């Protein structure tokens, strides 16, 4: 493929035509079909185009619903956007299971977010620390015009401190600010504040401390929020008497199930190989709600996995235990999300999701997301220790396999009947179609 200058200045159709001209055969034909995925409403499509750069078309993901989430005594139907066929089903099954056993109990432990001005200081540390303490209140005052509206909503800048990290990196210091951004995710607010405090700090340092020193002795490196928010934390749990767990396949009783479930979670606490997949199951549920509500799933993912490794070893985000005669299953996870601003206010389906969820605050949405993650995790571990993960997963994946093999609607219906009591695999489906002379 040839290089191109000025690609961003081309119209959408011109971009597609250029790309098609660089390809051949089926690839070029598929590219030429990209306009068929545009939204029929011109203004809606314009809005989609402006979410990103060099937009060619829309990439559709399924928008599903997981009903029956009883959270703190209130029932929610939760929108989920995900392409993995078993996720919404597993979340729904987990929700239904626990709705009959008291539902999910969730609470937000804290809402603090953080950002830093990263800088280098090569001169006397004590001079810097004393000077910072003398101008700290002036620096905070210089931010009032940025934090005024956030303070009116009950949030704002919570603290400002100087952090010495020169033992980890030569001459490295931070200005660390903490924030409460209320119902906003707050990235733009936080970054604006950080850049303002960096500018004010630089002016004062250069005026008062650096007049007679080399410019290399002081340097602002960058100002940026952190997506690691271990103090923006939500906890969700389910519990019931062990006997109320019921019976499971292969005559597994509730006590055996509870013990085996706890062993499975403990394995994820000591073995990183298992922990990564265990937590991926939790994020299957959470990411789907994050996407449905127009939040940033990359930030949520990065933070969750960093939090899982906070002890120095990557571990399970969830915990299971028996207290007396009761089974307890708990998830604690940082979730820095918002319900106002950004894509949550612009994307029509994100707005629809929030309406379905009854316009939750950021705190309520954190609790809903954590509940979905816990339901997903419960269903996954339950399958693993009973029937195995593939039986249910591949049943739901059957339609994808049939479509990939080009089966007709009649063939699909035949296969659904045939595989009712059989294990689904790609080779098994292919063999079924070949034996019935239906593969084309």
Foldseek 3Di string as FASTA:
>chain_A
DDDDPPLQVDDLLVNLVVVLVVDDDPVSVVSNCQVVQADPDPVLSVLVPVLDGSDNHDDDFDWDWQWQQQEPNDTAIFIFTDRQQCQSVLLNVLNVLQSVFPGKYKFWQFQKFKKKFKKFAQDDPVVVQVVCVVCVVVLVVQCCVLFVVQVVVPKGKDDWDKADPCVVPNRIIITMIMIHNWQALCQVSQQVSQVRSVVVVVVCCCVPPVVPHDPVNMDGDDIGTALQCLRRKMKMKGKHFQQSSAAAPPRDHSVNLQVLLQVLQVCQAVDVVSVVVLQVLLLSQLVRSCVQQQHDSVSQVVNFQCVCCVVVRRGHQKHWDDDDRMTMIMGMGRDSTHCDDDVNVRNPRNVVSCVSRVNDGNRVSVRVSNSSSRSSSVSQSSCCVGVRDQQSSQLSCVVVLCVVQPADPVLSVVVNVVCVPHGDDSVVSVVVCVVVVGGD
